[in-house]
Amino acid sequence: MEYIGYLAAFCTTFAFFPQAIMAIRTKDVKSISLTMYSILCFGISMWLVYGILKADWPLILANLITLLPSLTILYLKVASVVKKK
């Protein structure tokens, strides 16, 4: 049954990579919500901590990997907001 967790983790984790790649290539993040990505990154971080505390490898791996593109997008968004000021 754990394979279902790994499959779900794979799908939801790698869904962020196309957006991150596009944001890196185009530097266009104007349509991305800073509030939404801030809350999302915080939530992913909390899921990671929860997974670590429970020693739940599907949660740990999925959220660790998901943080990479999510934080990249958040960084690009924050940088674009700061640049406008």
PDB file of N, CA and C in Angstrom:
ATOM      1  N   MET A   1       0.820  -1.189   0.000  1.00  0.00           N
ATOM      2  CA  MET A   1       0.000   0.000   0.000  1.00  0.00           C
ATOM      3  C   MET A   1       0.874   1.266   0.000  1.00  0.00           C
ATOM      4  N   GLU A   2       2.103   1.170   0.457  1.00  0.00           N
ATOM      5  CA  GLU A   2       2.986   2.328   0.489  1.00  0.00           C
ATOM      6  C   GLU A   2       3.291   2.858  -0.904  1.00  0.00           C
ATOM      7  N   TYR A   3       3.208   1.992  -1.924  1.00  0.00           N
ATOM      8  CA  TYR A   3       3.467   2.427  -3.290  1.00  0.00           C
ATOM      9  C   TYR A   3       2.486   3.497  -3.725  1.00  0.00           C
ATOM     10  N   ILE A   4       1.276   3.487  -3.188  1.00  0.00           N
ATOM     11  CA  ILE A   4       0.300   4.532  -3.508  1.00  0.00           C
ATOM     12  C   ILE A   4       0.812   5.882  -2.999  1.00  0.00           C
ATOM     13  N   GLY A   5       1.392   5.901  -1.819  1.00  0.00           N
ATOM     14  CA  GLY A   5       1.989   7.123  -1.287  1.00  0.00           C
ATOM     15  C   GLY A   5       3.134   7.620  -2.150  1.00  0.00           C
ATOM     16  N   TYR A   6       3.967   6.714  -2.604  1.00  0.00           N
ATOM     17  CA  TYR A   6       5.082   7.111  -3.477  1.00  0.00           C
ATOM     18  C   TYR A   6       4.583   7.631  -4.823  1.00  0.00           C
ATOM     19  N   LEU A   7       3.552   7.007  -5.370  1.00  0.00           N
ATOM     20  CA  LEU A   7       2.988   7.473  -6.640  1.00  0.00           C
ATOM     21  C   LEU A   7       2.379   8.862  -6.474  1.00  0.00           C
ATOM     22  N   ALA A   8       1.615   9.057  -5.425  1.00  0.00           N
ATOM     23  CA  ALA A   8       1.024  10.372  -5.158  1.00  0.00           C
ATOM     24  C   ALA A   8       2.122  11.409  -4.945  1.00  0.00           C
ATOM     25  N   ALA A   9       3.138  11.045  -4.200  1.00  0.00           N
ATOM     26  CA  ALA A   9       4.254  11.952  -3.940  1.00  0.00           C
ATOM     27  C   ALA A   9       4.953  12.331  -5.243  1.00  0.00           C
ATOM     28  N   PHE A  10       5.170  11.363  -6.109  1.00  0.00           N
ATOM     29  CA  PHE A  10       5.819  11.631  -7.387  1.00  0.00           C
ATOM     30  C   PHE A  10       5.013  12.629  -8.211  1.00  0.00           C
ATOM     31  N   CYS A  11       3.722  12.379  -8.340  1.00  0.00           N
ATOM     32  CA  CYS A  11       2.865  13.242  -9.166  1.00  0.00           C
ATOM     33  C   CYS A  11       2.790  14.666  -8.625  1.00  0.00           C
ATOM     34  N   THR A  12       2.535  14.810  -7.338  1.00  0.00           N
ATOM     35  CA  THR A  12       2.384  16.149  -6.780  1.00  0.00           C
ATOM     36  C   THR A  12       3.719  16.866  -6.669  1.00  0.00           C
ATOM     37  N   THR A  13       4.780  16.143  -6.486  1.00  0.00           N
ATOM     38  CA  THR A  13       6.104  16.752  -6.387  1.00  0.00           C
ATOM     39  C   THR A  13       6.573  17.277  -7.728  1.00  0.00           C
ATOM     40  N   PHE A  14       6.548  16.456  -8.730  1.00  0.00           N
ATOM     41  CA  PHE A  14       7.091  16.851 -10.017  1.00  0.00           C
ATOM     42  C   PHE A  14       6.174  17.771 -10.803  1.00  0.00           C
ATOM     43  N   ALA A  15       4.962  17.974 -10.337  1.00  0.00           N
ATOM     44  CA  ALA A  15       4.064  18.936 -10.968  1.00  0.00           C
ATOM     45  C   ALA A  15       4.594  20.364 -10.843  1.00  0.00           C
ATOM     46  N   PHE A  16       5.436  20.642  -9.855  1.00  0.00           N
ATOM     47  CA  PHE A  16       5.976  21.985  -9.652  1.00  0.00           C
ATOM     48  C   PHE A  16       7.138  22.312 -10.583  1.00  0.00           C
ATOM     49  N   PHE A  17       7.805  21.321 -11.112  1.00  0.00           N
ATOM     50  CA  PHE A  17       9.001  21.576 -11.901  1.00  0.00           C
ATOM     51  C   PHE A  17       8.749  22.330 -13.213  1.00  0.00           C
ATOM     52  N   PRO A  18       7.701  22.029 -13.981  1.00  0.00           N
ATOM     53  CA  PRO A  18       7.479  22.817 -15.203  1.00  0.00           C
ATOM     54  C   PRO A  18       7.292  24.312 -14.917  1.00  0.00           C
ATOM     55  N   GLN A  19       6.573  24.640 -13.847  1.00  0.00           N
ATOM     56  CA  GLN A  19       6.375  26.051 -13.486  1.00  0.00           C
ATOM     57  C   GLN A  19       7.698  26.699 -13.090  1.00  0.00           C
ATOM     58  N   ALA A  20       8.492  25.989 -12.312  1.00  0.00           N
ATOM     59  CA  ALA A  20       9.779  26.532 -11.888  1.00  0.00           C
ATOM     60  C   ALA A  20      10.711  26.728 -13.081  1.00  0.00           C
ATOM     61  N   ILE A  21      10.755  25.772 -13.979  1.00  0.00           N
ATOM     62  CA  ILE A  21      11.608  25.877 -15.165  1.00  0.00           C
ATOM     63  C   ILE A  21      11.171  27.056 -16.027  1.00  0.00           C
ATOM     64  N   MET A  22       9.873  27.208 -16.220  1.00  0.00           N
ATOM     65  CA  MET A  22       9.371  28.318 -17.016  1.00  0.00           C
ATOM     66  C   MET A  22       9.694  29.662 -16.347  1.00  0.00           C
ATOM     67  N   ALA A  23       9.523  29.729 -15.031  1.00  0.00           N
ATOM     68  CA  ALA A  23       9.823  30.971 -14.313  1.00  0.00           C
ATOM     69  C   ALA A  23      11.304  31.319 -14.410  1.00  0.00           C
ATOM     70  N   ILE A  24      12.164  30.321 -14.324  1.00  0.00           N
ATOM     71  CA  ILE A  24      13.605  30.557 -14.443  1.00  0.00           C
ATOM     72  C   ILE A  24      13.953  31.033 -15.853  1.00  0.00           C
ATOM     73  N   ARG A  25      13.402  30.393 -16.851  1.00  0.00           N
ATOM     74  CA  ARG A  25      13.716  30.743 -18.247  1.00  0.00           C
ATOM     75  C   ARG A  25      13.196  32.115 -18.634  1.00  0.00           C
ATOM     76  N   THR A  26      11.944  32.412 -18.272  1.00  0.00           N
ATOM     77  CA  THR A  26      11.311  33.656 -18.723  1.00  0.00           C
ATOM     78  C   THR A  26      11.470  34.805 -17.735  1.00  0.00           C
ATOM     79  N   LYS A  27      11.777  34.496 -16.492  1.00  0.00           N
ATOM     80  CA  LYS A  27      11.827  35.485 -15.404  1.00  0.00           C
ATOM     81  C   LYS A  27      10.472  36.182 -15.230  1.00  0.00           C
ATOM     82  N   ASP A  28       9.414  35.580 -15.749  1.00  0.00           N
ATOM     83  CA  ASP A  28       8.068  36.150 -15.662  1.00  0.00           C
ATOM     84  C   ASP A  28       7.294  35.472 -14.538  1.00  0.00           C
ATOM     85  N   VAL A  29       7.117  36.183 -13.449  1.00  0.00           N
ATOM     86  CA  VAL A  29       6.375  35.655 -12.305  1.00  0.00           C
ATOM     87  C   VAL A  29       5.264  36.619 -11.887  1.00  0.00           C
ATOM     88  N   LYS A  30       4.925  37.555 -12.773  1.00  0.00           N
ATOM     89  CA  LYS A  30       3.945  38.576 -12.405  1.00  0.00           C
ATOM     90  C   LYS A  30       2.569  37.990 -12.093  1.00  0.00           C
ATOM     91  N   SER A  31       2.217  36.881 -12.698  1.00  0.00           N
ATOM     92  CA  SER A  31       0.893  36.301 -12.455  1.00  0.00           C
ATOM     93  C   SER A  31       0.882  35.325 -11.279  1.00  0.00           C
ATOM     94  N   ILE A  32       2.023  35.162 -10.633  1.00  0.00           N
ATOM     95  CA  ILE A  32       2.113  34.255  -9.488  1.00  0.00           C
ATOM     96  C   ILE A  32       1.867  35.049  -8.212  1.00  0.00           C
ATOM     97  N   SER A  33       1.032  34.518  -7.354  1.00  0.00           N
ATOM     98  CA  SER A  33       0.692  35.187  -6.104  1.00  0.00           C
ATOM     99  C   SER A  33       1.783  34.975  -5.060  1.00  0.00           C
ATOM    100  N   LEU A  34       2.329  36.085  -4.565  1.00  0.00           N
ATOM    101  CA  LEU A  34       3.338  36.019  -3.517  1.00  0.00           C
ATOM    102  C   LEU A  34       2.753  35.415  -2.242  1.00  0.00           C
ATOM    103  N   THR A  35       1.554  35.812  -1.903  1.00  0.00           N
ATOM    104  CA  THR A  35       0.900  35.281  -0.706  1.00  0.00           C
ATOM    105  C   THR A  35       0.692  33.778  -0.813  1.00  0.00           C
ATOM    106  N   MET A  36       0.200  33.335  -1.951  1.00  0.00           N
ATOM    107  CA  MET A  36      -0.066  31.909  -2.145  1.00  0.00           C
ATOM    108  C   MET A  36       1.220  31.100  -2.046  1.00  0.00           C
ATOM    109  N   TYR A  37       2.288  31.547  -2.722  1.00  0.00           N
ATOM    110  CA  TYR A  37       3.533  30.776  -2.688  1.00  0.00           C
ATOM    111  C   TYR A  37       4.206  30.828  -1.325  1.00  0.00           C
ATOM    112  N   SER A  38       4.039  31.919  -0.598  1.00  0.00           N
ATOM    113  CA  SER A  38       4.572  31.996   0.769  1.00  0.00           C
ATOM    114  C   SER A  38       3.884  30.975   1.662  1.00  0.00           C
ATOM    115  N   ILE A  39       2.565  30.939   1.587  1.00  0.00           N
ATOM    116  CA  ILE A  39       1.801  29.979   2.392  1.00  0.00           C
ATOM    117  C   ILE A  39       2.107  28.558   1.949  1.00  0.00           C
ATOM    118  N   LEU A  40       2.202  28.337   0.647  1.00  0.00           N
ATOM    119  CA  LEU A  40       2.511  27.007   0.117  1.00  0.00           C
ATOM    120  C   LEU A  40       3.864  26.515   0.624  1.00  0.00           C
ATOM    121  N   CYS A  41       4.888  27.341   0.544  1.00  0.00           N
ATOM    122  CA  CYS A  41       6.220  26.932   0.998  1.00  0.00           C
ATOM    123  C   CYS A  41       6.229  26.653   2.498  1.00  0.00           C
ATOM    124  N   PHE A  42       5.511  27.458   3.258  1.00  0.00           N
ATOM    125  CA  PHE A  42       5.407  27.197   4.689  1.00  0.00           C
ATOM    126  C   PHE A  42       4.708  25.859   4.930  1.00  0.00           C
ATOM    127  N   GLY A  43       3.619  25.613   4.215  1.00  0.00           N
ATOM    128  CA  GLY A  43       2.888  24.351   4.354  1.00  0.00           C
ATOM    129  C   GLY A  43       3.732  23.146   3.975  1.00  0.00           C
ATOM    130  N   ILE A  44       4.476  23.250   2.889  1.00  0.00           N
ATOM    131  CA  ILE A  44       5.359  22.158   2.480  1.00  0.00           C
ATOM    132  C   ILE A  44       6.408  21.900   3.560  1.00  0.00           C
ATOM    133  N   SER A  45       6.936  22.980   4.116  1.00  0.00           N
ATOM    134  CA  SER A  45       7.924  22.842   5.198  1.00  0.00           C
ATOM    135  C   SER A  45       7.326  22.118   6.403  1.00  0.00           C
ATOM    136  N   MET A  46       6.093  22.455   6.729  1.00  0.00           N
ATOM    137  CA  MET A  46       5.435  21.807   7.863  1.00  0.00           C
ATOM    138  C   MET A  46       5.151  20.326   7.581  1.00  0.00           C
ATOM    139  N   TRP A  47       4.772  20.001   6.333  1.00  0.00           N
ATOM    140  CA  TRP A  47       4.584  18.598   5.970  1.00  0.00           C
ATOM    141  C   TRP A  47       5.902  17.843   6.069  1.00  0.00           C
ATOM    142  N   LEU A  48       6.998  18.508   5.679  1.00  0.00           N
ATOM    143  CA  LEU A  48       8.315  17.884   5.787  1.00  0.00           C
ATOM    144  C   LEU A  48       8.656  17.593   7.244  1.00  0.00           C
ATOM    145  N   VAL A  49       8.439  18.560   8.112  1.00  0.00           N
ATOM    146  CA  VAL A  49       8.701  18.348   9.543  1.00  0.00           C
ATOM    147  C   VAL A  49       7.823  17.217  10.073  1.00  0.00           C
ATOM    148  N   TYR A  50       6.555  17.220   9.699  1.00  0.00           N
ATOM    149  CA  TYR A  50       5.631  16.162  10.130  1.00  0.00           C
ATOM    150  C   TYR A  50       6.118  14.795   9.658  1.00  0.00           C
ATOM    151  N   GLY A  51       6.542  14.726   8.394  1.00  0.00           N
ATOM    152  CA  GLY A  51       7.050  13.463   7.857  1.00  0.00           C
ATOM    153  C   GLY A  51       8.286  12.991   8.593  1.00  0.00           C
ATOM    154  N   ILE A  52       9.172  13.936   8.932  1.00  0.00           N
ATOM    155  CA  ILE A  52      10.379  13.580   9.682  1.00  0.00           C
ATOM    156  C   ILE A  52      10.003  13.052  11.065  1.00  0.00           C
ATOM    157  N   LEU A  53       9.090  13.748  11.729  1.00  0.00           N
ATOM    158  CA  LEU A  53       8.676  13.322  13.070  1.00  0.00           C
ATOM    159  C   LEU A  53       8.021  11.942  13.062  1.00  0.00           C
ATOM    160  N   LYS A  54       7.309  11.624  11.988  1.00  0.00           N
ATOM    161  CA  LYS A  54       6.643  10.322  11.882  1.00  0.00           C
ATOM    162  C   LYS A  54       7.513   9.275  11.182  1.00  0.00           C
ATOM    163  N   ALA A  55       8.673   9.695  10.695  1.00  0.00           N
ATOM    164  CA  ALA A  55       9.561   8.819   9.920  1.00  0.00           C
ATOM    165  C   ALA A  55       8.821   8.217   8.723  1.00  0.00           C
ATOM    166  N   ASP A  56       8.041   9.047   8.062  1.00  0.00           N
ATOM    167  CA  ASP A  56       7.230   8.646   6.910  1.00  0.00           C
ATOM    168  C   ASP A  56       7.969   9.054   5.630  1.00  0.00           C
ATOM    169  N   TRP A  57       8.637   8.082   5.013  1.00  0.00           N
ATOM    170  CA  TRP A  57       9.498   8.384   3.871  1.00  0.00           C
ATOM    171  C   TRP A  57       8.778   8.969   2.661  1.00  0.00           C
ATOM    172  N   PRO A  58       7.577   8.526   2.301  1.00  0.00           N
ATOM    173  CA  PRO A  58       6.904   9.198   1.182  1.00  0.00           C
ATOM    174  C   PRO A  58       6.688  10.694   1.462  1.00  0.00           C
ATOM    175  N   LEU A  59       6.292  11.031   2.682  1.00  0.00           N
ATOM    176  CA  LEU A  59       6.106  12.443   3.039  1.00  0.00           C
ATOM    177  C   LEU A  59       7.425  13.201   3.037  1.00  0.00           C
ATOM    178  N   ILE A  60       8.448  12.614   3.580  1.00  0.00           N
ATOM    179  CA  ILE A  60       9.745  13.273   3.657  1.00  0.00           C
ATOM    180  C   ILE A  60      10.284  13.545   2.253  1.00  0.00           C
ATOM    181  N   LEU A  61      10.347  12.516   1.427  1.00  0.00           N
ATOM    182  CA  LEU A  61      10.920  12.669   0.088  1.00  0.00           C
ATOM    183  C   LEU A  61      10.111  13.637  -0.775  1.00  0.00           C
ATOM    184  N   ALA A  62       8.802  13.484  -0.752  1.00  0.00           N
ATOM    185  CA  ALA A  62       7.954  14.339  -1.582  1.00  0.00           C
ATOM    186  C   ALA A  62       8.104  15.804  -1.197  1.00  0.00           C
ATOM    187  N   ASN A  63       8.072  16.080   0.078  1.00  0.00           N
ATOM    188  CA  ASN A  63       8.118  17.473   0.505  1.00  0.00           C
ATOM    189  C   ASN A  63       9.513  18.066   0.426  1.00  0.00           C
ATOM    190  N   LEU A  64      10.525  17.262   0.622  1.00  0.00           N
ATOM    191  CA  LEU A  64      11.890  17.737   0.455  1.00  0.00           C
ATOM    192  C   LEU A  64      12.134  18.145  -0.996  1.00  0.00           C
ATOM    193  N   ILE A  65      11.720  17.301  -1.912  1.00  0.00           N
ATOM    194  CA  ILE A  65      11.903  17.586  -3.335  1.00  0.00           C
ATOM    195  C   ILE A  65      11.002  18.735  -3.776  1.00  0.00           C
ATOM    196  N   THR A  66       9.770  18.787  -3.286  1.00  0.00           N
ATOM    197  CA  THR A  66       8.826  19.841  -3.665  1.00  0.00           C
ATOM    198  C   THR A  66       9.305  21.216  -3.215  1.00  0.00           C
ATOM    199  N   LEU A  67      10.021  21.266  -2.110  1.00  0.00           N
ATOM    200  CA  LEU A  67      10.531  22.556  -1.638  1.00  0.00           C
ATOM    201  C   LEU A  67      11.473  23.206  -2.645  1.00  0.00           C
ATOM    202  N   LEU A  68      12.229  22.418  -3.385  1.00  0.00           N
ATOM    203  CA  LEU A  68      13.200  22.985  -4.330  1.00  0.00           C
ATOM    204  C   LEU A  68      12.545  23.884  -5.383  1.00  0.00           C
ATOM    205  N   PRO A  69      11.617  23.371  -6.182  1.00  0.00           N
ATOM    206  CA  PRO A  69      11.014  24.273  -7.176  1.00  0.00           C
ATOM    207  C   PRO A  69      10.113  25.327  -6.540  1.00  0.00           C
ATOM    208  N   SER A  70       9.466  24.993  -5.440  1.00  0.00           N
ATOM    209  CA  SER A  70       8.571  25.958  -4.801  1.00  0.00           C
ATOM    210  C   SER A  70       9.344  27.145  -4.238  1.00  0.00           C
ATOM    211  N   LEU A  71      10.447  26.872  -3.570  1.00  0.00           N
ATOM    212  CA  LEU A  71      11.271  27.964  -3.045  1.00  0.00           C
ATOM    213  C   LEU A  71      11.935  28.759  -4.166  1.00  0.00           C
ATOM    214  N   THR A  72      12.248  28.093  -5.261  1.00  0.00           N
ATOM    215  CA  THR A  72      12.809  28.795  -6.420  1.00  0.00           C
ATOM    216  C   THR A  72      11.810  29.802  -6.966  1.00  0.00           C
ATOM    217  N   ILE A  73      10.577  29.366  -7.133  1.00  0.00           N
ATOM    218  CA  ILE A  73       9.518  30.259  -7.626  1.00  0.00           C
ATOM    219  C   ILE A  73       9.290  31.395  -6.634  1.00  0.00           C
ATOM    220  N   LEU A  74       9.237  31.077  -5.350  1.00  0.00           N
ATOM    221  CA  LEU A  74       9.044  32.101  -4.327  1.00  0.00           C
ATOM    222  C   LEU A  74      10.195  33.111  -4.358  1.00  0.00           C
ATOM    223  N   TYR A  75      11.414  32.632  -4.474  1.00  0.00           N
ATOM    224  CA  TYR A  75      12.572  33.527  -4.555  1.00  0.00           C
ATOM    225  C   TYR A  75      12.461  34.469  -5.757  1.00  0.00           C
ATOM    226  N   LEU A  76      12.121  33.920  -6.922  1.00  0.00           N
ATOM    227  CA  LEU A  76      11.986  34.740  -8.123  1.00  0.00           C
ATOM    228  C   LEU A  76      10.877  35.773  -7.959  1.00  0.00           C
ATOM    229  N   LYS A  77       9.797  35.378  -7.311  1.00  0.00           N
ATOM    230  CA  LYS A  77       8.682  36.305  -7.090  1.00  0.00           C
ATOM    231  C   LYS A  77       9.103  37.422  -6.144  1.00  0.00           C
ATOM    232  N   VAL A  78       9.738  37.073  -5.041  1.00  0.00           N
ATOM    233  CA  VAL A  78      10.196  38.093  -4.089  1.00  0.00           C
ATOM    234  C   VAL A  78      11.209  39.026  -4.772  1.00  0.00           C
ATOM    235  N   ALA A  79      12.118  38.471  -5.535  1.00  0.00           N
ATOM    236  CA  ALA A  79      13.116  39.287  -6.235  1.00  0.00           C
ATOM    237  C   ALA A  79      12.444  40.252  -7.209  1.00  0.00           C
ATOM    238  N   SER A  80      11.398  39.809  -7.878  1.00  0.00           N
ATOM    239  CA  SER A  80      10.710  40.692  -8.834  1.00  0.00           C
ATOM    240  C   SER A  80       9.955  41.800  -8.112  1.00  0.00           C
ATOM    241  N   VAL A  81       9.400  41.503  -6.950  1.00  0.00           N
ATOM    242  CA  VAL A  81       8.690  42.522  -6.165  1.00  0.00           C
ATOM    243  C   VAL A  81       9.683  43.551  -5.644  1.00  0.00           C
ATOM    244  N   VAL A  82      10.814  43.090  -5.123  1.00  0.00           N
ATOM    245  CA  VAL A  82      11.850  43.992  -4.594  1.00  0.00           C
ATOM    246  C   VAL A  82      12.418  44.860  -5.725  1.00  0.00           C
ATOM    247  N   LYS A  83      12.595  44.278  -6.890  1.00  0.00           N
ATOM    248  CA  LYS A  83      13.156  44.981  -8.042  1.00  0.00           C
ATOM    249  C   LYS A  83      12.246  46.129  -8.494  1.00  0.00           C
ATOM    250  N   LYS A  84      10.931  45.936  -8.380  1.00  0.00           N
ATOM    251  CA  LYS A  84       9.968  46.960  -8.789  1.00  0.00           C
ATOM    252  C   LYS A  84      10.010  48.185  -7.883  1.00  0.00           C
ATOM    253  N   LYS A  85      10.452  47.994  -6.644  1.00  0.00           N
ATOM    254  CA  LYS A  85      10.436  49.103  -5.679  1.00  0.00           C
ATOM    255  C   LYS A  85      11.607  49.977  -5.835  1.00  0.00           C
TER     256      LYS A  85
END
